[in-house]
Amino acid sequence: MEWFGLTDKGRVRPTNQDIYQIEAREANQTALLVVCDGMGGANAGNVASRFAAQVFTESIKAELTGALDAKTRQELLTRALDEANNTVFGLAGRQPEFRGMGTTLVAALVQGGEATILNVGDSRAYLFDGTRLHQLTEDHSYVEEMRRQGRITEADARTHPQKNLITRAVGVEPTVEGDLFEARLGENEVLLLCSDGLTGMAEDEKIADTLKNAKTLALAGDALLTLALEGGGRDNITVALFTRGAEEEA
């Protein structure tokens, strides 16, 4: 097992409202990865993302040593999302300066070769199979809805002036529903969770090439950050990476 994460405020934004958390247990080949991208005026987005990520992670952390089938993984992720949403929504209601704050959230709960993904907003999860990058999640955004309806093309979506307008977020409403996805993680395949500071600055093909050419996840993470910065770095940039590695021979 190997994992790595990093976050950077980019070239334009004065603060970093992204956050990631990774918890891994090598004994039973289990890991939890979380990426949040906060939104809100002043420091509110920063507060939303950090509280959401921390509460979400704490909700699941004690369960990582157990056996987790798909049903259990989905239940844990859904419960953690509810707790994170309640926390952020409650803070926003009590503190006027935090009113309207929220955050995206994408998380992966992995055990062995099985992964359950949950997402809210436009932070994404991908699986890199050694050659191609496969998007596992679907954005909750105005532009993605138009693309799915055939009203705009993929190319249009990348440059649309409202591409950052999300339709679902943690902490904005009393309840929120996350989408759940199941994925198989083969040997040496890489799970990538990221904020739109990466995907908005780099096309999937370039992300795939970067992962293909990196010898370690740490080098891959650094190279992905460089890719996003060279693409303009107009947003905060966060990546969380995980791989099972290769099975050891007896």
C-alpha atoms as a PDB file:
ATOM      1  CA  MET A   1       0.000   0.000   0.000  1.00  0.00           C
ATOM      2  CA  GLU A   2       1.115   3.529  -0.781  1.00  0.00           C
ATOM      3  CA  TRP A   3      -0.625   6.863  -0.295  1.00  0.00           C
ATOM      4  CA  PHE A   4       0.170  10.539  -0.654  1.00  0.00           C
ATOM      5  CA  GLY A   5      -1.611  13.867  -0.466  1.00  0.00           C
ATOM      6  CA  LEU A   6      -0.851  17.538  -0.948  1.00  0.00           C
ATOM      7  CA  THR A   7      -2.639  20.867  -1.145  1.00  0.00           C
ATOM      8  CA  ASP A   8      -1.539  24.254  -2.467  1.00  0.00           C
ATOM      9  CA  LYS A   9      -3.265  27.644  -2.678  1.00  0.00           C
ATOM     10  CA  GLY A  10      -2.258  28.076  -6.334  1.00  0.00           C
ATOM     11  CA  ARG A  11      -1.094  31.265  -8.040  1.00  0.00           C
ATOM     12  CA  VAL A  12      -4.150  33.525  -7.636  1.00  0.00           C
ATOM     13  CA  ARG A  13      -6.177  32.826  -4.485  1.00  0.00           C
ATOM     14  CA  PRO A  14      -4.918  34.557  -1.297  1.00  0.00           C
ATOM     15  CA  THR A  15      -5.885  31.618   0.953  1.00  0.00           C
ATOM     16  CA  ASN A  16      -6.287  27.859   0.651  1.00  0.00           C
ATOM     17  CA  GLN A  17      -9.850  26.656   1.265  1.00  0.00           C
ATOM     18  CA  ASP A  18      -9.062  23.066   0.232  1.00  0.00           C
ATOM     19  CA  ILE A  19      -8.124  20.299   2.621  1.00  0.00           C
ATOM     20  CA  TYR A  20      -7.393  16.566   2.419  1.00  0.00           C
ATOM     21  CA  GLN A  21      -7.206  13.795   4.993  1.00  0.00           C
ATOM     22  CA  ILE A  22      -5.862  10.262   4.643  1.00  0.00           C
ATOM     23  CA  GLU A  23      -6.134   7.449   7.187  1.00  0.00           C
ATOM     24  CA  ALA A  24      -4.556   4.091   6.312  1.00  0.00           C
ATOM     25  CA  ARG A  25      -4.296   0.741   8.097  1.00  0.00           C
ATOM     26  CA  GLU A  26      -1.742  -1.544   6.463  1.00  0.00           C
ATOM     27  CA  ALA A  27      -2.626  -4.532   8.646  1.00  0.00           C
ATOM     28  CA  ASN A  28      -5.933  -5.048   6.824  1.00  0.00           C
ATOM     29  CA  GLN A  29      -5.199  -3.088   3.640  1.00  0.00           C
ATOM     30  CA  THR A  30      -7.747  -0.384   4.434  1.00  0.00           C
ATOM     31  CA  ALA A  31      -7.680   3.346   3.742  1.00  0.00           C
ATOM     32  CA  LEU A  32      -9.916   6.397   3.877  1.00  0.00           C
ATOM     33  CA  LEU A  33      -9.183   9.390   1.638  1.00  0.00           C
ATOM     34  CA  VAL A  34     -11.112  12.678   1.811  1.00  0.00           C
ATOM     35  CA  VAL A  35     -10.831  15.898  -0.220  1.00  0.00           C
ATOM     36  CA  CYS A  36     -12.919  19.022   0.468  1.00  0.00           C
ATOM     37  CA  ASP A  37     -13.037  22.338  -1.398  1.00  0.00           C
ATOM     38  CA  GLY A  38     -14.659  25.061   0.702  1.00  0.00           C
ATOM     39  CA  MET A  39     -16.733  28.001  -0.456  1.00  0.00           C
ATOM     40  CA  GLY A  40     -17.881  31.150   1.292  1.00  0.00           C
ATOM     41  CA  GLY A  41     -16.726  34.698   1.897  1.00  0.00           C
ATOM     42  CA  ALA A  42     -13.686  35.698   3.947  1.00  0.00           C
ATOM     43  CA  ASN A  43     -12.574  32.663   5.980  1.00  0.00           C
ATOM     44  CA  ALA A  44     -15.898  30.803   5.812  1.00  0.00           C
ATOM     45  CA  GLY A  45     -14.917  28.369   3.047  1.00  0.00           C
ATOM     46  CA  ASN A  46     -11.805  27.453   4.975  1.00  0.00           C
ATOM     47  CA  VAL A  47     -13.912  26.722   8.074  1.00  0.00           C
ATOM     48  CA  ALA A  48     -16.457  24.658   6.132  1.00  0.00           C
ATOM     49  CA  SER A  49     -13.890  22.417   4.433  1.00  0.00           C
ATOM     50  CA  ARG A  50     -11.847  21.806   7.563  1.00  0.00           C
ATOM     51  CA  PHE A  51     -14.775  20.988   9.821  1.00  0.00           C
ATOM     52  CA  ALA A  52     -16.342  18.759   7.164  1.00  0.00           C
ATOM     53  CA  ALA A  53     -13.142  16.805   6.532  1.00  0.00           C
ATOM     54  CA  GLN A  54     -12.346  16.399  10.224  1.00  0.00           C
ATOM     55  CA  VAL A  55     -15.834  15.338  11.301  1.00  0.00           C
ATOM     56  CA  PHE A  56     -16.168  13.010   8.299  1.00  0.00           C
ATOM     57  CA  THR A  57     -12.840  11.324   9.027  1.00  0.00           C
ATOM     58  CA  GLU A  58     -13.446  11.008  12.776  1.00  0.00           C
ATOM     59  CA  SER A  59     -16.807   9.355  12.113  1.00  0.00           C
ATOM     60  CA  ILE A  60     -15.153   6.487  10.224  1.00  0.00           C
ATOM     61  CA  LYS A  61     -11.646   6.231  11.659  1.00  0.00           C
ATOM     62  CA  ALA A  62     -12.425   3.776  14.459  1.00  0.00           C
ATOM     63  CA  GLU A  63     -14.043   1.370  11.971  1.00  0.00           C
ATOM     64  CA  LEU A  64     -11.020   1.041   9.696  1.00  0.00           C
ATOM     65  CA  THR A  65      -9.589  -1.980  11.518  1.00  0.00           C
ATOM     66  CA  GLY A  66     -12.686  -4.123  10.864  1.00  0.00           C
ATOM     67  CA  ALA A  67     -13.902  -6.110   7.869  1.00  0.00           C
ATOM     68  CA  LEU A  68     -15.797  -3.769   5.544  1.00  0.00           C
ATOM     69  CA  ASP A  69     -18.045  -5.157   2.833  1.00  0.00           C
ATOM     70  CA  ALA A  70     -19.683  -2.866   0.266  1.00  0.00           C
ATOM     71  CA  LYS A  71     -22.858  -2.387   2.325  1.00  0.00           C
ATOM     72  CA  THR A  72     -20.859  -1.452   5.420  1.00  0.00           C
ATOM     73  CA  ARG A  73     -18.615   0.935   3.473  1.00  0.00           C
ATOM     74  CA  GLN A  74     -21.651   2.692   2.013  1.00  0.00           C
ATOM     75  CA  GLU A  75     -23.317   2.974   5.407  1.00  0.00           C
ATOM     76  CA  LEU A  76     -20.168   4.403   7.016  1.00  0.00           C
ATOM     77  CA  LEU A  77     -19.687   6.987   4.273  1.00  0.00           C
ATOM     78  CA  THR A  78     -23.343   8.026   4.348  1.00  0.00           C
ATOM     79  CA  ARG A  79     -23.350   8.391   8.137  1.00  0.00           C
ATOM     80  CA  ALA A  80     -20.129  10.407   8.038  1.00  0.00           C
ATOM     81  CA  LEU A  81     -21.599  12.722   5.419  1.00  0.00           C
ATOM     82  CA  ASP A  82     -24.669  13.321   7.581  1.00  0.00           C
ATOM     83  CA  GLU A  83     -22.470  14.185  10.558  1.00  0.00           C
ATOM     84  CA  ALA A  84     -20.270  16.506   8.510  1.00  0.00           C
ATOM     85  CA  ASN A  85     -23.292  18.251   6.996  1.00  0.00           C
ATOM     86  CA  ASN A  86     -24.928  18.713  10.397  1.00  0.00           C
ATOM     87  CA  THR A  87     -21.737  20.240  11.791  1.00  0.00           C
ATOM     88  CA  VAL A  88     -21.160  22.719   8.965  1.00  0.00           C
ATOM     89  CA  PHE A  89     -24.826  23.665   8.671  1.00  0.00           C
ATOM     90  CA  GLY A  90     -25.030  24.186  12.434  1.00  0.00           C
ATOM     91  CA  LEU A  91     -21.962  26.428  12.467  1.00  0.00           C
ATOM     92  CA  ALA A  92     -23.348  28.491   9.599  1.00  0.00           C
ATOM     93  CA  GLY A  93     -26.601  28.993  11.475  1.00  0.00           C
ATOM     94  CA  ARG A  94     -24.923  30.099  14.710  1.00  0.00           C
ATOM     95  CA  GLN A  95     -22.260  32.418  13.294  1.00  0.00           C
ATOM     96  CA  PRO A  96     -23.384  35.263  11.000  1.00  0.00           C
ATOM     97  CA  GLU A  97     -19.972  35.483   9.335  1.00  0.00           C
ATOM     98  CA  PHE A  98     -20.264  31.823   8.285  1.00  0.00           C
ATOM     99  CA  ARG A  99     -23.785  32.075   6.839  1.00  0.00           C
ATOM    100  CA  GLY A 100     -24.056  30.376   3.449  1.00  0.00           C
ATOM    101  CA  MET A 101     -20.719  28.588   3.698  1.00  0.00           C
ATOM    102  CA  GLY A 102     -20.345  25.076   2.355  1.00  0.00           C
ATOM    103  CA  THR A 103     -17.885  22.653   0.842  1.00  0.00           C
ATOM    104  CA  THR A 104     -17.546  19.944  -1.737  1.00  0.00           C
ATOM    105  CA  LEU A 105     -16.548  16.516  -0.490  1.00  0.00           C
ATOM    106  CA  VAL A 106     -15.214  13.447  -2.227  1.00  0.00           C
ATOM    107  CA  ALA A 107     -14.168  10.392  -0.237  1.00  0.00           C
ATOM    108  CA  ALA A 108     -12.970   6.872  -0.906  1.00  0.00           C
ATOM    109  CA  LEU A 109     -13.132   3.977   1.558  1.00  0.00           C
ATOM    110  CA  VAL A 110     -10.873   1.188   0.341  1.00  0.00           C
ATOM    111  CA  GLN A 111     -10.294  -2.330   1.613  1.00  0.00           C
ATOM    112  CA  GLY A 112      -8.146  -4.681  -0.418  1.00  0.00           C
ATOM    113  CA  GLY A 113      -9.186  -4.351  -4.023  1.00  0.00           C
ATOM    114  CA  GLU A 114     -12.624  -2.878  -3.329  1.00  0.00           C
ATOM    115  CA  ALA A 115     -13.405   0.829  -3.060  1.00  0.00           C
ATOM    116  CA  THR A 116     -16.573   2.771  -2.319  1.00  0.00           C
ATOM    117  CA  ILE A 117     -16.627   6.406  -3.425  1.00  0.00           C
ATOM    118  CA  LEU A 118     -18.926   9.167  -2.181  1.00  0.00           C
ATOM    119  CA  ASN A 119     -19.108  12.659  -3.655  1.00  0.00           C
ATOM    120  CA  VAL A 120     -20.952  15.937  -3.187  1.00  0.00           C
ATOM    121  CA  GLY A 121     -20.112  18.848  -5.491  1.00  0.00           C
ATOM    122  CA  ASP A 122     -17.446  18.954  -8.178  1.00  0.00           C
ATOM    123  CA  SER A 123     -14.407  17.443  -6.483  1.00  0.00           C
ATOM    124  CA  ARG A 124     -13.697  14.195  -8.300  1.00  0.00           C
ATOM    125  CA  ALA A 125     -12.464  10.629  -7.959  1.00  0.00           C
ATOM    126  CA  TYR A 126     -10.590   8.905 -10.771  1.00  0.00           C
ATOM    127  CA  LEU A 127      -9.088   5.457 -11.322  1.00  0.00           C
ATOM    128  CA  PHE A 128      -5.863   5.293 -13.314  1.00  0.00           C
ATOM    129  CA  ASP A 129      -5.329   1.812 -14.782  1.00  0.00           C
ATOM    130  CA  GLY A 130      -1.765   2.387 -15.950  1.00  0.00           C
ATOM    131  CA  THR A 131      -2.801   3.810 -19.302  1.00  0.00           C
ATOM    132  CA  ARG A 132      -6.117   5.619 -19.079  1.00  0.00           C
ATOM    133  CA  LEU A 133      -7.849   7.789 -16.506  1.00  0.00           C
ATOM    134  CA  HIS A 134     -11.423   6.768 -15.662  1.00  0.00           C
ATOM    135  CA  GLN A 135     -13.668   9.309 -13.919  1.00  0.00           C
ATOM    136  CA  LEU A 136     -15.625   7.516 -11.188  1.00  0.00           C
ATOM    137  CA  THR A 137     -17.801  10.393  -9.949  1.00  0.00           C
ATOM    138  CA  GLU A 138     -20.239  12.774 -11.610  1.00  0.00           C
ATOM    139  CA  ASP A 139     -20.039  16.489 -10.823  1.00  0.00           C
ATOM    140  CA  HIS A 140     -22.962  18.177  -9.122  1.00  0.00           C
ATOM    141  CA  SER A 141     -22.673  21.364 -11.157  1.00  0.00           C
ATOM    142  CA  TYR A 142     -24.766  23.522 -13.445  1.00  0.00           C
ATOM    143  CA  VAL A 143     -22.388  22.967 -16.349  1.00  0.00           C
ATOM    144  CA  GLU A 144     -22.289  19.188 -15.883  1.00  0.00           C
ATOM    145  CA  GLU A 145     -26.092  19.065 -15.911  1.00  0.00           C
ATOM    146  CA  MET A 146     -26.111  20.968 -19.213  1.00  0.00           C
ATOM    147  CA  ARG A 147     -23.458  18.639 -20.645  1.00  0.00           C
ATOM    148  CA  ARG A 148     -25.443  15.533 -19.625  1.00  0.00           C
ATOM    149  CA  GLN A 149     -28.535  17.027 -21.284  1.00  0.00           C
ATOM    150  CA  GLY A 150     -26.554  17.558 -24.498  1.00  0.00           C
ATOM    151  CA  ARG A 151     -26.926  21.335 -24.367  1.00  0.00           C
ATOM    152  CA  ILE A 152     -23.151  21.915 -24.374  1.00  0.00           C
ATOM    153  CA  THR A 153     -20.113  19.851 -25.371  1.00  0.00           C
ATOM    154  CA  GLU A 154     -17.269  18.626 -23.175  1.00  0.00           C
ATOM    155  CA  ALA A 155     -15.065  21.347 -24.650  1.00  0.00           C
ATOM    156  CA  ASP A 156     -17.710  23.991 -23.917  1.00  0.00           C
ATOM    157  CA  ALA A 157     -17.945  22.790 -20.316  1.00  0.00           C
ATOM    158  CA  ARG A 158     -14.239  23.344 -19.696  1.00  0.00           C
ATOM    159  CA  THR A 159     -14.439  27.040 -20.571  1.00  0.00           C
ATOM    160  CA  HIS A 160     -18.011  27.876 -19.551  1.00  0.00           C
ATOM    161  CA  PRO A 161     -18.220  31.055 -17.403  1.00  0.00           C
ATOM    162  CA  GLN A 162     -20.409  29.240 -14.858  1.00  0.00           C
ATOM    163  CA  LYS A 163     -18.313  26.086 -14.611  1.00  0.00           C
ATOM    164  CA  ASN A 164     -17.675  26.685 -10.878  1.00  0.00           C
ATOM    165  CA  LEU A 165     -21.384  26.899  -9.989  1.00  0.00           C
ATOM    166  CA  ILE A 166     -22.181  23.737  -8.042  1.00  0.00           C
ATOM    167  CA  THR A 167     -25.687  22.410  -7.427  1.00  0.00           C
ATOM    168  CA  ARG A 168     -24.989  20.402  -4.272  1.00  0.00           C
ATOM    169  CA  ALA A 169     -22.682  21.081  -1.310  1.00  0.00           C
ATOM    170  CA  VAL A 170     -22.065  20.003   2.275  1.00  0.00           C
ATOM    171  CA  GLY A 171     -23.435  22.378   4.923  1.00  0.00           C
ATOM    172  CA  VAL A 172     -25.687  24.573   2.790  1.00  0.00           C
ATOM    173  CA  GLU A 173     -28.979  22.769   3.512  1.00  0.00           C
ATOM    174  CA  PRO A 174     -30.183  20.826   6.591  1.00  0.00           C
ATOM    175  CA  THR A 175     -29.631  17.562   4.692  1.00  0.00           C
ATOM    176  CA  VAL A 176     -27.533  16.566   1.701  1.00  0.00           C
ATOM    177  CA  GLU A 177     -27.369  13.422  -0.399  1.00  0.00           C
ATOM    178  CA  GLY A 178     -24.086  12.064  -1.675  1.00  0.00           C
ATOM    179  CA  ASP A 179     -23.717   9.828  -4.723  1.00  0.00           C
ATOM    180  CA  LEU A 180     -22.129   6.422  -4.110  1.00  0.00           C
ATOM    181  CA  PHE A 181     -20.001   4.452  -6.555  1.00  0.00           C
ATOM    182  CA  GLU A 182     -18.266   1.073  -6.325  1.00  0.00           C
ATOM    183  CA  ALA A 183     -14.903   0.415  -7.983  1.00  0.00           C
ATOM    184  CA  ARG A 184     -12.385  -2.412  -8.173  1.00  0.00           C
ATOM    185  CA  LEU A 185      -8.786  -1.403  -7.574  1.00  0.00           C
ATOM    186  CA  GLY A 186      -6.308  -3.678  -9.319  1.00  0.00           C
ATOM    187  CA  GLU A 187      -2.643  -4.138  -8.498  1.00  0.00           C
ATOM    188  CA  ASN A 188      -0.660  -0.963  -9.175  1.00  0.00           C
ATOM    189  CA  GLU A 189      -3.793   0.935 -10.225  1.00  0.00           C
ATOM    190  CA  VAL A 190      -4.029   4.410  -8.706  1.00  0.00           C
ATOM    191  CA  LEU A 191      -7.003   6.053  -7.055  1.00  0.00           C
ATOM    192  CA  LEU A 192      -6.935   9.850  -7.424  1.00  0.00           C
ATOM    193  CA  LEU A 193      -9.157  12.240  -5.477  1.00  0.00           C
ATOM    194  CA  CYS A 194      -8.833  15.916  -6.354  1.00  0.00           C
ATOM    195  CA  SER A 195     -10.410  19.360  -6.215  1.00  0.00           C
ATOM    196  CA  ASP A 196     -11.307  21.287  -9.360  1.00  0.00           C
ATOM    197  CA  GLY A 197      -8.094  23.248  -8.977  1.00  0.00           C
ATOM    198  CA  LEU A 198      -6.491  20.296 -10.775  1.00  0.00           C
ATOM    199  CA  THR A 199      -9.222  19.279 -13.224  1.00  0.00           C
ATOM    200  CA  GLY A 200      -9.999  22.878 -14.156  1.00  0.00           C
ATOM    201  CA  MET A 201      -6.367  23.499 -15.110  1.00  0.00           C
ATOM    202  CA  ALA A 202      -5.436  20.196 -16.790  1.00  0.00           C
ATOM    203  CA  GLU A 203      -7.202  17.840 -19.185  1.00  0.00           C
ATOM    204  CA  ASP A 204      -7.642  14.186 -18.240  1.00  0.00           C
ATOM    205  CA  GLU A 205      -5.125  13.038 -20.857  1.00  0.00           C
ATOM    206  CA  LYS A 206      -2.393  15.199 -19.314  1.00  0.00           C
ATOM    207  CA  ILE A 207      -3.256  13.959 -15.828  1.00  0.00           C
ATOM    208  CA  ALA A 208      -3.007  10.366 -17.106  1.00  0.00           C
ATOM    209  CA  ASP A 209       0.376  11.033 -18.740  1.00  0.00           C
ATOM    210  CA  THR A 210       1.647  12.571 -15.514  1.00  0.00           C
ATOM    211  CA  LEU A 211       0.594   9.543 -13.462  1.00  0.00           C
ATOM    212  CA  LYS A 212       2.045   7.165 -16.044  1.00  0.00           C
ATOM    213  CA  ASN A 213       5.470   8.800 -15.914  1.00  0.00           C
ATOM    214  CA  ALA A 214       5.781   9.074 -12.119  1.00  0.00           C
ATOM    215  CA  LYS A 215       7.699   6.360 -10.249  1.00  0.00           C
ATOM    216  CA  THR A 216       6.091   7.024  -6.849  1.00  0.00           C
ATOM    217  CA  LEU A 217       2.873   8.597  -5.627  1.00  0.00           C
ATOM    218  CA  ALA A 218       4.830  11.437  -4.026  1.00  0.00           C
ATOM    219  CA  LEU A 219       6.444  12.235  -7.369  1.00  0.00           C
ATOM    220  CA  ALA A 220       3.044  11.920  -9.040  1.00  0.00           C
ATOM    221  CA  GLY A 221       1.494  14.356  -6.590  1.00  0.00           C
ATOM    222  CA  ASP A 222       4.261  16.897  -7.067  1.00  0.00           C
ATOM    223  CA  ALA A 223       4.005  16.549 -10.845  1.00  0.00           C
ATOM    224  CA  LEU A 224       0.216  17.012 -10.782  1.00  0.00           C
ATOM    225  CA  LEU A 225       0.654  20.187  -8.734  1.00  0.00           C
ATOM    226  CA  THR A 226       3.178  21.481 -11.256  1.00  0.00           C
ATOM    227  CA  LEU A 227       0.775  20.613 -14.083  1.00  0.00           C
ATOM    228  CA  ALA A 228      -2.033  22.618 -12.471  1.00  0.00           C
ATOM    229  CA  LEU A 229       0.231  25.571 -11.711  1.00  0.00           C
ATOM    230  CA  GLU A 230       1.557  25.620 -15.268  1.00  0.00           C
ATOM    231  CA  GLY A 231      -2.062  25.541 -16.466  1.00  0.00           C
ATOM    232  CA  GLY A 232      -2.690  28.798 -14.637  1.00  0.00           C
ATOM    233  CA  GLY A 233      -3.081  27.808 -10.982  1.00  0.00           C
ATOM    234  CA  ARG A 234      -6.227  29.932 -10.740  1.00  0.00           C
ATOM    235  CA  ASP A 235      -7.716  27.910  -7.869  1.00  0.00           C
ATOM    236  CA  ASN A 236      -6.545  25.975  -4.825  1.00  0.00           C
ATOM    237  CA  ILE A 237      -5.132  22.591  -5.839  1.00  0.00           C
ATOM    238  CA  THR A 238      -5.495  19.373  -3.841  1.00  0.00           C
ATOM    239  CA  VAL A 239      -4.751  15.744  -4.657  1.00  0.00           C
ATOM    240  CA  ALA A 240      -4.970  12.536  -2.624  1.00  0.00           C
ATOM    241  CA  LEU A 241      -3.509   9.375  -4.153  1.00  0.00           C
ATOM    242  CA  PHE A 242      -3.700   5.703  -3.191  1.00  0.00           C
ATOM    243  CA  THR A 243      -2.488   2.408  -4.631  1.00  0.00           C
ATOM    244  CA  ARG A 244      -2.530  -1.167  -3.368  1.00  0.00           C
ATOM    245  CA  GLY A 245       0.795  -1.769  -5.060  1.00  0.00           C
ATOM    246  CA  ALA A 246       1.671  -5.261  -6.241  1.00  0.00           C
ATOM    247  CA  GLU A 247       0.874  -8.390  -4.259  1.00  0.00           C
ATOM    248  CA  GLU A 248       3.924  -9.864  -2.572  1.00  0.00           C
ATOM    249  CA  GLU A 249       4.896 -13.323  -3.755  1.00  0.00           C
ATOM    250  CA  ALA A 250       4.941 -16.082  -1.161  1.00  0.00           C
END
